[in-house]
Amino acid sequence: MKMKAISKTALSFVLVFMLIPIVKSTAQSNLEIDPKEPKPGDEVTVTYNPANTPLAESVVIKGRAIMYEKTAVRILTADILLKQTGGKWLGKFNLLRGSVAINIFFENNSNEIDSNKGEGYIYYLKDSNGTIFQGAKAAIASGVYGMLSDQKFPNDKTKTRKLLEEEFSKNPDLLQYYFATYYRTFNLYDKDESKFITEIADKLYAVRDTLDAKPIADLAFFYQKSEQSKSEKCIKILSKCHPSSISAFQLQSMDMQMELMTTSDFKTKLKAYKKESEYFKESLELGEKDFLNNLEFNIILKTSTLLHLNGFQIMAIIV
């Protein structure tokens, strides 16, 4: 009897090992890329077979590749122009330098989507030694499964937390860039979830002087309702250590922005606009590290103002 039990156990292990490669290959069997393990900067060829997907009967299919860098600050999307050849669709896109992971999905003209059943067609990029790049798992956790993900992918707290913990166990320095993923994905009104998010926040707060601008701004936002004093200290650190950053600009010009957006009186809006413009110019004198980011934000802010004001008068100020 004992020998039979061992035989059944052994058989179960054989079946498991037989099934594992089938599950892995089936997950992305509708999509092939060349090279199979692309490197940042490569041109990637996509071969997509829509059989047994929501797009099986589609006459027009578009592809999209979302590329993530290790801090998730830069997330870029490339449209993949596909041409049908037989039952498959072929296309190409360029993998941007600095990318650590890719997520690909497909859609038709009726906005039906194949996102691999919400899993995404995901590829973790590897270095020359075959090691997954730093930040790849965290970027996918945030961009595909977390609350910062595209609406085409359902949020999955379990996968988000698992991937983030795997990432930070090896690369703890990256934690600061993904704090927003934690507090936007998990429920602050849930006792257990709130506790572990607050523990992460306090851990980062203890070394706030060493953090980059955006993580400090994320902490300031997180503590805004629960611990106002910590929020204010974060804003002070942001102003002191990263005065020309876009995060500092956004936080410190908040009152000016609100005045611009809420008032309907032209003279009041114009006054607020000039005040905000003067602040913007002064902030640039403190450093030019984030000049383009500041400039882009400033232009967006002013463009939105055109919806409320006389275009010619505002345009004259911009020029």
Protein backbone atom coordinates (compact mmCIF):
# COMPACT_ATOMS: atom_id res chain seq x y z
CA MET A 1 0.00 0.00 0.00
CA LYS A 2 2.83 2.33 0.80
CA MET A 3 4.44 1.74 -2.61
CA LYS A 4 1.15 2.55 -4.35
CA ALA A 5 0.87 5.84 -2.46
CA ILE A 6 4.37 6.80 -3.55
CA SER A 7 3.53 5.89 -7.13
CA LYS A 8 0.46 8.15 -7.13
CA THR A 9 2.49 11.01 -5.68
CA ALA A 10 5.20 10.55 -8.25
CA LEU A 11 2.59 10.46 -10.99
CA SER A 12 1.02 13.70 -9.76
CA PHE A 13 4.42 15.43 -9.91
CA VAL A 14 4.93 14.16 -13.47
CA LEU A 15 1.53 15.55 -14.47
CA VAL A 16 2.29 18.89 -12.85
CA PHE A 17 5.59 19.24 -14.66
CA MET A 18 3.91 18.25 -17.92
CA LEU A 19 1.23 20.87 -17.45
CA ILE A 20 3.48 23.79 -16.49
CA PRO A 21 4.98 24.39 -19.96
CA ILE A 22 1.53 24.00 -21.53
CA VAL A 23 0.07 26.71 -19.28
CA LYS A 24 2.99 29.04 -19.96
CA SER A 25 2.91 28.59 -23.74
CA THR A 26 -0.89 28.86 -23.97
CA ALA A 27 -0.90 32.16 -22.07
CA GLN A 28 0.74 34.03 -24.95
CA SER A 29 0.34 31.52 -27.79
CA ASN A 30 -1.63 34.08 -29.83
CA LEU A 31 1.36 36.40 -30.00
CA GLU A 32 4.92 35.90 -31.15
CA ILE A 33 7.62 38.55 -31.13
CA ASP A 34 10.99 38.61 -32.85
CA PRO A 35 13.51 38.75 -31.31
CA LYS A 36 12.01 36.51 -28.62
CA GLU A 37 13.99 38.33 -25.93
CA PRO A 38 14.29 41.89 -27.28
CA LYS A 39 16.70 44.47 -25.90
CA PRO A 40 15.99 48.18 -25.44
CA GLY A 41 16.53 49.90 -28.78
CA ASP A 42 15.56 46.83 -30.88
CA GLU A 43 13.04 46.83 -33.68
CA VAL A 44 10.43 44.24 -32.66
CA THR A 45 8.35 42.25 -35.15
CA VAL A 46 4.91 41.23 -33.94
CA THR A 47 2.95 38.25 -35.28
CA TYR A 48 -0.56 38.11 -33.84
CA ASN A 49 -3.06 35.29 -34.34
CA PRO A 50 -6.54 36.38 -33.15
CA ALA A 51 -8.00 32.84 -33.23
CA ASN A 52 -10.02 32.06 -30.08
CA THR A 53 -9.87 35.68 -28.93
CA PRO A 54 -12.55 38.42 -28.91
CA LEU A 55 -11.00 39.70 -32.15
CA ALA A 56 -11.27 36.42 -34.09
CA GLU A 57 -13.75 37.81 -36.66
CA SER A 58 -12.33 41.34 -36.87
CA VAL A 59 -11.53 42.82 -40.28
CA VAL A 60 -9.38 45.60 -38.79
CA ILE A 61 -7.01 45.09 -35.85
CA LYS A 62 -4.70 47.61 -34.22
CA GLY A 63 -1.87 46.81 -31.83
CA ARG A 64 -0.43 48.87 -29.01
CA ALA A 65 2.80 48.40 -27.07
CA ILE A 66 3.14 50.05 -23.67
CA MET A 67 6.78 50.46 -22.62
CA TYR A 68 7.77 51.03 -19.00
CA GLU A 69 11.01 52.35 -17.53
CA LYS A 70 12.23 51.27 -14.11
CA THR A 71 10.78 54.11 -12.03
CA ALA A 72 7.46 54.20 -13.95
CA VAL A 73 7.98 57.94 -14.43
CA ARG A 74 8.15 57.43 -18.18
CA ILE A 75 5.45 55.23 -19.69
CA LEU A 76 5.29 55.46 -23.47
CA THR A 77 2.88 53.92 -25.93
CA ALA A 78 3.64 52.89 -29.50
CA ASP A 79 0.90 52.14 -32.01
CA ILE A 80 1.61 48.98 -34.00
CA LEU A 81 0.36 49.15 -37.59
CA LEU A 82 -0.74 45.61 -38.47
CA LYS A 83 -1.14 44.03 -41.89
CA GLN A 84 -3.11 40.82 -42.35
CA THR A 85 -1.30 37.88 -43.92
CA GLY A 86 -3.45 34.77 -44.02
CA GLY A 87 -4.97 34.31 -40.59
CA LYS A 88 -2.27 36.33 -38.85
CA TRP A 89 -1.50 40.02 -38.41
CA LEU A 90 2.05 41.35 -38.70
CA GLY A 91 3.58 44.63 -37.58
CA LYS A 92 6.64 46.30 -36.08
CA PHE A 93 7.53 48.81 -33.38
CA ASN A 94 10.73 50.22 -31.93
CA LEU A 95 11.51 49.34 -28.33
CA LEU A 96 12.69 52.54 -26.68
CA ARG A 97 15.98 52.70 -24.83
CA GLY A 98 15.51 52.63 -21.08
CA SER A 99 12.54 50.26 -21.28
CA VAL A 100 12.46 47.42 -18.75
CA ALA A 101 9.11 45.79 -19.61
CA ILE A 102 6.47 45.74 -22.35
CA ASN A 103 2.74 45.10 -22.31
CA ILE A 104 1.02 44.56 -25.65
CA PHE A 105 -2.70 44.43 -26.42
CA PHE A 106 -4.92 44.52 -29.50
CA GLU A 107 -8.26 46.09 -30.42
CA ASN A 108 -10.61 46.45 -33.37
CA ASN A 109 -12.71 49.32 -34.71
CA SER A 110 -15.56 48.38 -32.35
CA ASN A 111 -13.28 48.94 -29.35
CA GLU A 112 -13.28 45.22 -28.54
CA ILE A 113 -10.01 44.25 -26.90
CA ASP A 114 -7.74 41.26 -26.61
CA SER A 115 -5.68 41.84 -23.49
CA ASN A 116 -4.91 38.14 -22.99
CA LYS A 117 -7.94 37.79 -20.67
CA GLY A 118 -6.84 40.80 -18.63
CA GLU A 119 -3.34 39.40 -18.10
CA GLY A 120 -1.71 41.43 -20.84
CA TYR A 121 0.85 40.12 -23.30
CA ILE A 122 3.72 40.89 -20.96
CA TYR A 123 7.46 40.69 -21.58
CA TYR A 124 10.07 41.38 -18.92
CA LEU A 125 13.24 42.62 -20.58
CA LYS A 126 16.60 41.15 -19.58
CA ASP A 127 20.20 42.35 -19.53
CA SER A 128 23.12 40.65 -21.29
CA ASN A 129 23.37 38.15 -18.42
CA GLY A 130 19.76 37.07 -18.79
CA THR A 131 18.67 38.86 -15.62
CA ILE A 132 15.36 40.72 -15.56
CA PHE A 133 15.99 44.48 -15.46
CA GLN A 134 15.53 46.34 -12.20
CA GLY A 135 12.07 47.85 -11.96
CA ALA A 136 10.46 45.52 -14.51
CA LYS A 137 8.21 43.69 -12.05
CA ALA A 138 7.27 46.85 -10.18
CA ALA A 139 6.44 48.63 -13.45
CA ILE A 140 4.12 45.81 -14.53
CA ALA A 141 2.54 45.66 -11.07
CA SER A 142 1.79 49.37 -11.26
CA GLY A 143 0.95 49.70 -14.93
CA VAL A 144 -1.05 46.50 -15.51
CA TYR A 145 -2.49 45.24 -12.22
CA GLY A 146 -2.49 48.29 -9.92
CA MET A 147 -4.78 51.32 -9.77
CA LEU A 148 -2.42 53.24 -12.05
CA SER A 149 -3.12 50.74 -14.82
CA ASP A 150 -5.01 51.30 -18.02
CA GLN A 151 -8.74 50.59 -17.65
CA LYS A 152 -8.33 47.76 -20.14
CA PHE A 153 -6.76 45.67 -17.40
CA PRO A 154 -8.65 44.73 -14.22
CA ASN A 155 -7.01 45.63 -10.93
CA ASP A 156 -5.55 42.70 -9.04
CA LYS A 157 -4.32 43.50 -5.54
CA THR A 158 -2.78 40.08 -5.00
CA LYS A 159 -0.63 40.24 -8.13
CA THR A 160 0.25 43.87 -7.50
CA ARG A 161 1.49 43.20 -3.98
CA LYS A 162 3.34 40.01 -4.94
CA LEU A 163 5.25 41.65 -7.80
CA LEU A 164 6.07 44.76 -5.76
CA GLU A 165 7.40 42.67 -2.86
CA GLU A 166 9.50 40.56 -5.25
CA GLU A 167 10.93 43.75 -6.76
CA PHE A 168 11.75 45.57 -3.54
CA SER A 169 13.27 42.52 -1.85
CA LYS A 170 16.06 42.80 -4.44
CA ASN A 171 15.90 46.51 -5.31
CA PRO A 172 14.74 48.42 -2.19
CA ASP A 173 15.91 51.77 -3.60
CA LEU A 174 13.05 51.67 -6.12
CA LEU A 175 10.34 51.58 -3.45
CA GLN A 176 10.06 55.38 -3.35
CA TYR A 177 8.91 55.54 -6.97
CA TYR A 178 6.01 53.13 -6.40
CA PHE A 179 4.54 54.43 -3.17
CA ALA A 180 1.65 55.99 -5.13
CA THR A 181 0.84 52.54 -6.52
CA TYR A 182 0.36 51.27 -2.97
CA TYR A 183 -1.93 53.99 -1.69
CA ARG A 184 -4.00 54.14 -4.87
CA THR A 185 -4.38 50.38 -5.23
CA PHE A 186 -5.11 49.35 -1.67
CA ASN A 187 -7.96 50.43 0.57
CA LEU A 188 -6.99 53.00 3.20
CA TYR A 189 -10.31 52.31 4.95
CA ASP A 190 -9.39 48.66 5.42
CA LYS A 191 -7.60 48.24 8.77
CA ASP A 192 -4.96 45.74 7.59
CA GLU A 193 -4.29 47.37 4.23
CA SER A 194 -4.12 50.83 5.77
CA LYS A 195 -1.63 49.58 8.36
CA PHE A 196 0.90 48.20 5.88
CA ILE A 197 0.59 51.25 3.57
CA THR A 198 1.21 53.58 6.53
CA GLU A 199 4.24 51.49 7.51
CA ILE A 200 5.67 51.98 4.02
CA ALA A 201 4.91 55.70 4.15
CA ASP A 202 6.61 56.09 7.54
CA LYS A 203 9.63 54.17 6.27
CA LEU A 204 9.99 56.59 3.36
CA TYR A 205 9.21 59.62 5.51
CA ALA A 206 12.17 58.75 7.76
CA VAL A 207 14.54 59.26 4.81
CA ARG A 208 12.56 62.03 3.06
CA ASP A 209 15.67 64.21 2.68
CA THR A 210 17.15 61.61 0.32
CA LEU A 211 14.09 61.03 -1.87
CA ASP A 212 13.42 62.36 -5.35
CA ALA A 213 10.83 65.06 -5.93
CA LYS A 214 7.80 62.98 -6.94
CA PRO A 215 8.00 60.51 -4.01
CA ILE A 216 8.16 63.47 -1.58
CA ALA A 217 5.10 64.97 -3.25
CA ASP A 218 3.33 61.58 -3.00
CA LEU A 219 4.06 61.52 0.74
CA ALA A 220 2.79 65.08 1.13
CA PHE A 221 -0.45 64.05 -0.55
CA PHE A 222 -0.76 60.84 1.50
CA TYR A 223 -0.31 62.60 4.85
CA GLN A 224 -2.53 65.55 3.90
CA LYS A 225 -5.61 64.28 5.76
CA SER A 226 -4.13 61.98 8.39
CA GLU A 227 -1.00 63.83 9.57
CA GLN A 228 -0.98 67.42 8.36
CA SER A 229 2.35 68.25 10.04
CA LYS A 230 4.14 65.51 8.10
CA SER A 231 2.53 66.73 4.90
CA GLU A 232 3.77 70.27 5.53
CA LYS A 233 7.29 69.03 6.29
CA CYS A 234 7.33 67.13 3.02
CA ILE A 235 6.33 70.26 1.12
CA LYS A 236 9.14 72.20 2.83
CA ILE A 237 11.68 69.51 1.92
CA LEU A 238 10.40 69.53 -1.65
CA SER A 239 10.84 73.30 -1.87
CA LYS A 240 14.30 73.11 -0.35
CA CYS A 241 15.78 70.09 -2.14
CA HIS A 242 13.87 70.17 -5.45
CA PRO A 243 12.76 73.78 -5.97
CA SER A 244 12.61 73.61 -9.76
CA SER A 245 10.87 70.23 -9.99
CA ILE A 246 7.45 69.87 -11.53
CA SER A 247 6.18 68.43 -8.23
CA ALA A 248 7.25 71.54 -6.31
CA PHE A 249 5.73 73.75 -8.97
CA GLN A 250 2.41 71.91 -8.83
CA LEU A 251 2.15 71.93 -5.04
CA GLN A 252 3.29 75.49 -4.44
CA SER A 253 1.22 77.02 -7.20
CA MET A 254 -1.91 75.13 -6.18
CA ASP A 255 -3.68 78.20 -4.82
CA MET A 256 -2.84 80.14 -7.97
CA GLN A 257 -4.12 77.30 -10.15
CA MET A 258 -7.36 77.10 -8.20
CA GLU A 259 -7.82 80.85 -8.55
CA LEU A 260 -7.29 80.56 -12.28
CA MET A 261 -9.81 77.74 -12.65
CA THR A 262 -12.57 78.84 -10.28
CA THR A 263 -13.03 82.54 -10.93
CA SER A 264 -15.12 83.68 -13.87
CA ASP A 265 -14.11 87.32 -13.55
CA PHE A 266 -11.65 88.24 -16.28
CA LYS A 267 -9.64 90.75 -14.25
CA THR A 268 -9.29 88.39 -11.29
CA LYS A 269 -8.26 85.53 -13.56
CA LEU A 270 -5.75 87.73 -15.37
CA LYS A 271 -4.23 88.85 -12.06
CA ALA A 272 -3.94 85.24 -10.89
CA TYR A 273 -2.43 84.29 -14.22
CA LYS A 274 0.28 86.96 -13.95
CA LYS A 275 1.05 85.92 -10.37
CA GLU A 276 1.41 82.28 -11.40
CA SER A 277 3.58 83.25 -14.40
CA GLU A 278 5.92 85.26 -12.15
CA TYR A 279 6.23 82.31 -9.79
CA PHE A 280 7.03 80.06 -12.74
CA LYS A 281 9.84 82.34 -13.94
CA GLU A 282 11.30 82.63 -10.45
CA SER A 283 11.25 78.88 -9.94
CA LEU A 284 13.31 78.38 -13.09
CA GLU A 285 16.07 80.65 -11.79
CA LEU A 286 16.71 78.11 -9.04
CA GLY A 287 17.72 75.40 -11.52
CA GLU A 288 17.04 74.06 -14.98
CA LYS A 289 17.09 70.33 -14.28
CA ASP A 290 13.37 69.93 -14.92
CA PHE A 291 12.96 72.91 -17.23
CA LEU A 292 11.16 71.02 -19.96
CA ASN A 293 8.78 69.34 -17.53
CA ASN A 294 7.97 72.68 -15.91
CA LEU A 295 7.52 74.31 -19.29
CA GLU A 296 5.23 71.54 -20.50
CA PHE A 297 3.07 71.79 -17.38
CA ASN A 298 2.97 75.57 -17.65
CA ILE A 299 1.84 75.43 -21.26
CA ILE A 300 -0.87 72.87 -20.45
CA LEU A 301 -2.09 75.05 -17.59
CA LYS A 302 -2.22 78.13 -19.79
CA THR A 303 -3.86 76.26 -22.66
CA SER A 304 -6.65 75.15 -20.33
CA THR A 305 -7.04 78.80 -19.35
CA LEU A 306 -7.83 79.66 -22.97
CA LEU A 307 -11.15 77.90 -22.52
CA HIS A 308 -12.19 80.57 -20.04
CA LEU A 309 -10.54 83.74 -21.29
CA ASN A 310 -10.25 85.84 -24.41
CA GLY A 311 -7.76 83.95 -26.57
CA PHE A 312 -6.04 86.98 -28.07
CA GLN A 313 -5.30 88.63 -24.73
CA ILE A 314 -3.97 85.43 -23.15
CA MET A 315 -1.97 84.47 -26.22
CA ALA A 316 -0.25 87.83 -26.09
CA ILE A 317 0.92 87.06 -22.55
CA ILE A 318 2.19 83.58 -23.53
CA VAL A 319 4.23 85.00 -26.40
